[in-house]
N, C-alpha and C. Protein backbone atom coordinates (compact mmCIF):
# COMPACT_ATOMS: atom_id res chain seq x y z
N MET A 1 3.91 -83.04 23.20
CA MET A 1 3.12 -82.03 22.55
C MET A 1 2.76 -80.95 23.57
N SER A 2 3.06 -79.70 23.26
CA SER A 2 2.75 -78.62 24.18
C SER A 2 1.26 -78.28 24.11
N ASN A 3 0.76 -77.61 25.15
CA ASN A 3 -0.64 -77.19 25.14
C ASN A 3 -0.91 -76.26 23.96
N TYR A 4 0.08 -75.41 23.66
CA TYR A 4 -0.04 -74.48 22.54
C TYR A 4 -0.20 -75.24 21.23
N SER A 5 0.65 -76.21 21.00
CA SER A 5 0.59 -77.00 19.76
C SER A 5 -0.71 -77.78 19.67
N LYS A 6 -1.15 -78.33 20.79
CA LYS A 6 -2.40 -79.07 20.81
C LYS A 6 -3.57 -78.14 20.51
N ARG A 7 -3.59 -77.00 21.15
CA ARG A 7 -4.67 -76.02 20.94
C ARG A 7 -4.70 -75.56 19.49
N LEU A 8 -3.54 -75.27 18.92
CA LEU A 8 -3.46 -74.86 17.53
C LEU A 8 -4.02 -75.96 16.62
N GLY A 9 -3.59 -77.18 16.85
CA GLY A 9 -4.06 -78.29 16.04
C GLY A 9 -5.57 -78.45 16.10
N GLU A 10 -6.13 -78.36 17.29
CA GLU A 10 -7.58 -78.49 17.46
C GLU A 10 -8.32 -77.38 16.73
N LEU A 11 -7.81 -76.16 16.86
CA LEU A 11 -8.44 -75.02 16.20
C LEU A 11 -8.40 -75.16 14.69
N VAL A 12 -7.26 -75.56 14.16
CA VAL A 12 -7.10 -75.69 12.71
C VAL A 12 -8.04 -76.76 12.17
N VAL A 13 -8.06 -77.92 12.81
CA VAL A 13 -8.94 -79.00 12.34
C VAL A 13 -10.40 -78.58 12.41
N THR A 14 -10.81 -78.03 13.54
CA THR A 14 -12.21 -77.64 13.72
C THR A 14 -12.65 -76.62 12.69
N LYS A 15 -11.86 -75.56 12.54
CA LYS A 15 -12.25 -74.49 11.62
C LYS A 15 -12.19 -74.96 10.18
N ARG A 16 -11.18 -75.75 9.83
CA ARG A 16 -11.06 -76.26 8.46
C ARG A 16 -12.29 -77.10 8.11
N LYS A 17 -12.71 -77.93 9.04
CA LYS A 17 -13.88 -78.77 8.80
C LYS A 17 -15.16 -77.94 8.72
N GLU A 18 -15.27 -76.90 9.55
CA GLU A 18 -16.43 -76.00 9.48
C GLU A 18 -16.52 -75.37 8.09
N LEU A 19 -15.39 -75.02 7.54
CA LEU A 19 -15.33 -74.41 6.21
C LEU A 19 -15.47 -75.44 5.09
N ARG A 20 -15.44 -76.72 5.48
CA ARG A 20 -15.51 -77.84 4.53
C ARG A 20 -14.35 -77.78 3.53
N TRP A 21 -13.18 -77.45 4.07
CA TRP A 21 -11.96 -77.39 3.27
C TRP A 21 -11.14 -78.65 3.49
N THR A 22 -10.47 -79.07 2.46
CA THR A 22 -9.48 -80.13 2.60
C THR A 22 -8.20 -79.49 3.11
N GLN A 23 -7.26 -80.33 3.51
CA GLN A 23 -5.95 -79.80 3.90
C GLN A 23 -5.30 -79.10 2.71
N ALA A 24 -5.51 -79.64 1.52
CA ALA A 24 -4.94 -79.03 0.31
C ALA A 24 -5.52 -77.63 0.07
N LYS A 25 -6.83 -77.49 0.26
CA LYS A 25 -7.48 -76.18 0.08
C LYS A 25 -6.95 -75.18 1.09
N LEU A 26 -6.82 -75.59 2.34
CA LEU A 26 -6.29 -74.71 3.37
C LEU A 26 -4.86 -74.32 3.05
N ALA A 27 -4.06 -75.27 2.63
CA ALA A 27 -2.67 -74.98 2.27
C ALA A 27 -2.61 -73.94 1.16
N GLU A 28 -3.50 -74.07 0.19
CA GLU A 28 -3.55 -73.10 -0.91
C GLU A 28 -3.97 -71.72 -0.41
N GLU A 29 -5.00 -71.67 0.41
CA GLU A 29 -5.50 -70.39 0.93
C GLU A 29 -4.48 -69.67 1.80
N ALA A 30 -3.73 -70.45 2.59
CA ALA A 30 -2.74 -69.86 3.51
C ALA A 30 -1.36 -69.73 2.87
N ASP A 31 -1.21 -70.30 1.66
CA ASP A 31 0.07 -70.28 0.95
C ASP A 31 1.18 -70.94 1.76
N ILE A 32 0.84 -72.11 2.32
CA ILE A 32 1.82 -72.93 3.02
C ILE A 32 1.64 -74.37 2.56
N SER A 33 2.57 -75.24 2.89
CA SER A 33 2.51 -76.61 2.37
C SER A 33 1.46 -77.45 3.10
N GLU A 34 0.98 -78.45 2.38
CA GLU A 34 0.03 -79.39 2.96
C GLU A 34 0.66 -80.16 4.12
N LEU A 35 1.94 -80.47 3.99
CA LEU A 35 2.66 -81.16 5.06
C LEU A 35 2.64 -80.32 6.33
N THR A 36 2.81 -79.03 6.18
CA THR A 36 2.78 -78.12 7.34
C THR A 36 1.40 -78.16 7.99
N ILE A 37 0.35 -78.16 7.19
CA ILE A 37 -1.01 -78.24 7.73
C ILE A 37 -1.18 -79.53 8.53
N ARG A 38 -0.75 -80.64 7.94
CA ARG A 38 -0.86 -81.94 8.64
C ARG A 38 -0.12 -81.91 9.97
N LYS A 39 1.08 -81.35 9.98
CA LYS A 39 1.86 -81.27 11.22
C LYS A 39 1.12 -80.46 12.28
N PHE A 40 0.58 -79.31 11.89
CA PHE A 40 -0.14 -78.48 12.84
C PHE A 40 -1.35 -79.21 13.39
N GLU A 41 -2.08 -79.88 12.50
CA GLU A 41 -3.29 -80.58 12.93
C GLU A 41 -2.99 -81.73 13.89
N HIS A 42 -1.79 -82.26 13.83
CA HIS A 42 -1.39 -83.32 14.75
C HIS A 42 -0.63 -82.79 15.96
N GLY A 43 -0.59 -81.48 16.11
CA GLY A 43 0.05 -80.87 17.27
C GLY A 43 1.56 -80.93 17.22
N GLU A 44 2.11 -81.07 16.04
CA GLU A 44 3.57 -81.15 15.89
C GLU A 44 4.13 -79.80 15.46
N GLY A 45 5.29 -79.52 15.92
CA GLY A 45 5.97 -78.31 15.48
C GLY A 45 5.58 -77.08 16.26
N ASN A 46 6.33 -76.05 16.03
CA ASN A 46 6.13 -74.76 16.68
C ASN A 46 6.24 -73.70 15.59
N PRO A 47 5.11 -73.33 14.98
CA PRO A 47 5.15 -72.48 13.80
C PRO A 47 5.70 -71.08 14.07
N GLN A 48 6.41 -70.59 13.09
CA GLN A 48 6.89 -69.21 13.16
C GLN A 48 5.76 -68.29 12.71
N MET A 49 5.85 -67.03 13.08
CA MET A 49 4.78 -66.07 12.79
C MET A 49 4.51 -65.94 11.29
N ASN A 50 5.54 -66.03 10.45
CA ASN A 50 5.33 -65.86 9.01
C ASN A 50 4.52 -67.02 8.42
N VAL A 51 4.36 -68.10 9.15
CA VAL A 51 3.52 -69.23 8.73
C VAL A 51 2.20 -69.20 9.51
N LEU A 52 2.29 -68.93 10.78
CA LEU A 52 1.12 -68.96 11.65
C LEU A 52 0.08 -67.91 11.27
N LEU A 53 0.50 -66.69 11.05
CA LEU A 53 -0.46 -65.62 10.78
C LEU A 53 -1.26 -65.83 9.49
N PRO A 54 -0.62 -66.23 8.37
CA PRO A 54 -1.43 -66.51 7.17
C PRO A 54 -2.40 -67.68 7.38
N LEU A 55 -1.99 -68.66 8.16
CA LEU A 55 -2.85 -69.80 8.46
C LEU A 55 -4.08 -69.34 9.24
N LEU A 56 -3.87 -68.58 10.29
CA LEU A 56 -4.98 -68.09 11.10
C LEU A 56 -5.88 -67.17 10.30
N LYS A 57 -5.29 -66.32 9.46
CA LYS A 57 -6.09 -65.41 8.65
C LYS A 57 -6.96 -66.18 7.66
N ALA A 58 -6.40 -67.18 7.02
CA ALA A 58 -7.17 -67.99 6.06
C ALA A 58 -8.36 -68.65 6.75
N LEU A 59 -8.17 -69.07 7.98
CA LEU A 59 -9.24 -69.75 8.73
C LEU A 59 -10.14 -68.78 9.50
N ARG A 60 -9.79 -67.51 9.46
CA ARG A 60 -10.50 -66.48 10.24
C ARG A 60 -10.50 -66.81 11.73
N ILE A 61 -9.33 -67.15 12.19
CA ILE A 61 -9.13 -67.40 13.62
C ILE A 61 -8.30 -66.25 14.16
N SER A 62 -8.75 -65.66 15.23
CA SER A 62 -8.00 -64.59 15.87
C SER A 62 -6.76 -65.18 16.54
N PRO A 63 -5.61 -64.53 16.39
CA PRO A 63 -4.41 -65.03 17.09
C PRO A 63 -4.63 -65.18 18.59
N SER A 64 -5.46 -64.32 19.15
CA SER A 64 -5.72 -64.41 20.59
C SER A 64 -6.48 -65.69 20.96
N ALA A 65 -7.12 -66.33 19.98
CA ALA A 65 -7.86 -67.57 20.25
C ALA A 65 -6.94 -68.67 20.75
N LEU A 66 -5.67 -68.60 20.39
CA LEU A 66 -4.72 -69.61 20.86
C LEU A 66 -4.47 -69.50 22.36
N LEU A 67 -4.75 -68.34 22.91
CA LEU A 67 -4.48 -68.11 24.33
C LEU A 67 -5.73 -68.14 25.18
N GLU A 68 -6.88 -68.26 24.54
CA GLU A 68 -8.14 -68.16 25.27
C GLU A 68 -8.65 -69.50 25.77
N ASP A 69 -9.55 -69.41 26.68
CA ASP A 69 -10.22 -70.58 27.24
C ASP A 69 -11.09 -71.22 26.17
N GLU A 70 -11.03 -72.52 26.04
CA GLU A 70 -11.82 -73.24 25.03
C GLU A 70 -13.31 -73.12 25.29
N ASP A 71 -13.70 -72.84 26.51
CA ASP A 71 -15.11 -72.76 26.86
C ASP A 71 -15.65 -71.34 26.76
N ASP A 72 -15.00 -70.50 25.96
CA ASP A 72 -15.42 -69.12 25.77
C ASP A 72 -16.86 -69.10 25.27
N PRO A 73 -17.74 -68.36 25.93
CA PRO A 73 -19.15 -68.39 25.55
C PRO A 73 -19.49 -67.64 24.26
N LYS A 74 -18.57 -66.85 23.71
CA LYS A 74 -18.90 -66.05 22.53
C LYS A 74 -17.88 -66.19 21.40
N PRO A 75 -17.60 -67.40 20.94
CA PRO A 75 -16.64 -67.52 19.85
C PRO A 75 -17.15 -66.91 18.55
N ALA A 76 -18.47 -66.92 18.33
CA ALA A 76 -19.03 -66.34 17.11
C ALA A 76 -18.81 -64.84 17.08
N GLN A 77 -18.84 -64.20 18.23
CA GLN A 77 -18.61 -62.75 18.29
C GLN A 77 -17.19 -62.43 17.83
N LYS A 78 -16.25 -63.27 18.18
CA LYS A 78 -14.87 -63.06 17.75
C LYS A 78 -14.74 -63.24 16.24
N GLU A 79 -15.50 -64.18 15.69
CA GLU A 79 -15.46 -64.39 14.24
C GLU A 79 -16.02 -63.17 13.52
N VAL A 80 -17.12 -62.62 14.03
CA VAL A 80 -17.69 -61.41 13.44
C VAL A 80 -16.68 -60.26 13.53
N GLN A 81 -16.01 -60.16 14.66
CA GLN A 81 -15.02 -59.09 14.84
C GLN A 81 -13.89 -59.22 13.81
N MET A 82 -13.46 -60.43 13.54
CA MET A 82 -12.40 -60.63 12.55
C MET A 82 -12.86 -60.19 11.17
N ILE A 83 -14.12 -60.47 10.84
CA ILE A 83 -14.66 -60.04 9.55
C ILE A 83 -14.70 -58.52 9.49
N LEU A 84 -15.17 -57.91 10.57
CA LEU A 84 -15.24 -56.45 10.61
C LEU A 84 -13.85 -55.81 10.55
N ASP A 85 -12.86 -56.47 11.13
CA ASP A 85 -11.50 -55.95 11.10
C ASP A 85 -10.97 -55.81 9.67
N GLU A 86 -11.54 -56.61 8.76
CA GLU A 86 -11.11 -56.57 7.36
C GLU A 86 -11.85 -55.50 6.56
N CYS A 87 -12.83 -54.84 7.18
CA CYS A 87 -13.67 -53.86 6.48
C CYS A 87 -13.17 -52.44 6.71
N SER A 88 -13.49 -51.59 5.75
CA SER A 88 -13.24 -50.16 5.93
C SER A 88 -14.33 -49.60 6.83
N ASN A 89 -14.13 -48.38 7.33
CA ASN A 89 -15.13 -47.74 8.18
C ASN A 89 -16.43 -47.56 7.41
N GLU A 90 -16.35 -47.20 6.13
CA GLU A 90 -17.56 -47.05 5.31
C GLU A 90 -18.32 -48.36 5.20
N GLU A 91 -17.60 -49.45 4.98
CA GLU A 91 -18.25 -50.76 4.89
C GLU A 91 -18.93 -51.12 6.20
N ILE A 92 -18.29 -50.83 7.31
CA ILE A 92 -18.88 -51.12 8.61
C ILE A 92 -20.16 -50.32 8.80
N LEU A 93 -20.13 -49.05 8.41
CA LEU A 93 -21.33 -48.23 8.53
C LEU A 93 -22.48 -48.78 7.68
N ASP A 94 -22.16 -49.38 6.55
CA ASP A 94 -23.18 -50.00 5.71
C ASP A 94 -23.69 -51.32 6.31
N ILE A 95 -22.83 -52.00 7.04
CA ILE A 95 -23.17 -53.30 7.62
C ILE A 95 -24.06 -53.16 8.86
N ILE A 96 -23.90 -52.10 9.62
CA ILE A 96 -24.63 -51.93 10.89
C ILE A 96 -26.14 -52.03 10.71
N PRO A 97 -26.75 -51.32 9.76
CA PRO A 97 -28.21 -51.46 9.61
C PRO A 97 -28.64 -52.88 9.22
N VAL A 98 -27.81 -53.57 8.47
CA VAL A 98 -28.12 -54.95 8.08
C VAL A 98 -28.13 -55.83 9.33
N ILE A 99 -27.15 -55.65 10.19
CA ILE A 99 -27.08 -56.43 11.44
C ILE A 99 -28.29 -56.13 12.31
N GLU A 100 -28.63 -54.85 12.44
CA GLU A 100 -29.77 -54.48 13.28
C GLU A 100 -31.08 -55.06 12.74
N ALA A 101 -31.27 -55.01 11.42
CA ALA A 101 -32.49 -55.56 10.81
C ALA A 101 -32.53 -57.08 10.99
N THR A 102 -31.40 -57.72 10.80
CA THR A 102 -31.33 -59.17 10.96
C THR A 102 -31.63 -59.57 12.40
N LYS A 103 -31.10 -58.83 13.32
CA LYS A 103 -31.34 -59.11 14.74
C LYS A 103 -32.84 -59.02 15.07
N LYS A 104 -33.53 -58.01 14.53
CA LYS A 104 -34.97 -57.88 14.76
C LYS A 104 -35.74 -59.07 14.18
N ILE A 105 -35.36 -59.49 12.98
CA ILE A 105 -36.02 -60.63 12.35
C ILE A 105 -35.82 -61.90 13.18
N ILE A 106 -34.61 -62.10 13.63
CA ILE A 106 -34.30 -63.30 14.44
C ILE A 106 -35.09 -63.29 15.74
N LYS A 107 -35.13 -62.15 16.42
CA LYS A 107 -35.89 -62.05 17.67
C LYS A 107 -37.36 -62.32 17.44
N LYS A 108 -37.89 -61.78 16.35
CA LYS A 108 -39.32 -61.96 16.05
C LYS A 108 -39.59 -63.43 15.74
N THR A 109 -38.73 -64.06 14.98
CA THR A 109 -38.89 -65.46 14.61
C THR A 109 -38.79 -66.37 15.84
N ARG A 110 -37.88 -66.08 16.71
CA ARG A 110 -37.68 -66.94 17.90
C ARG A 110 -38.77 -66.75 18.94
N SER A 111 -39.45 -65.62 18.92
CA SER A 111 -40.48 -65.38 19.93
C SER A 111 -41.81 -66.04 19.58
N LYS A 112 -41.90 -66.59 18.37
CA LYS A 112 -43.14 -67.25 17.96
C LYS A 112 -43.28 -68.62 18.56
C-alpha cells in the first residue's frame, strides 16, 4: 500500500464518518460504486482523476489535502475555503458579515 493510497483511505473514512454517511451514501453522492469506496478506504487501488475528484468533492476534501501533512493545524480553514470556492462573489459578500458577527459572539462567549 502506497502512502498516497493509505492517506486517501484515511481521509475518506474520517470524512465519511464525520458526515455520518454510509459507504452507500458516499457512493451515491460521488456517483461511483460502493466497491470503489471500500477499496479506497482500505488503501487499495490508484484512482483516476475522473473518480477521485467527484469523491473528494462529495466529501468536501481539497485535492491538496492528499499531499499535506496530517498534523496541519488548520484543517477547518481548508474546509471553509472549499465551501467558499463553491460560492459566487455575491454570496461570499453576503457571508462575510455573518462570519464576522459569529466570530464576535464566539469570542464573547469564550471570554466568560
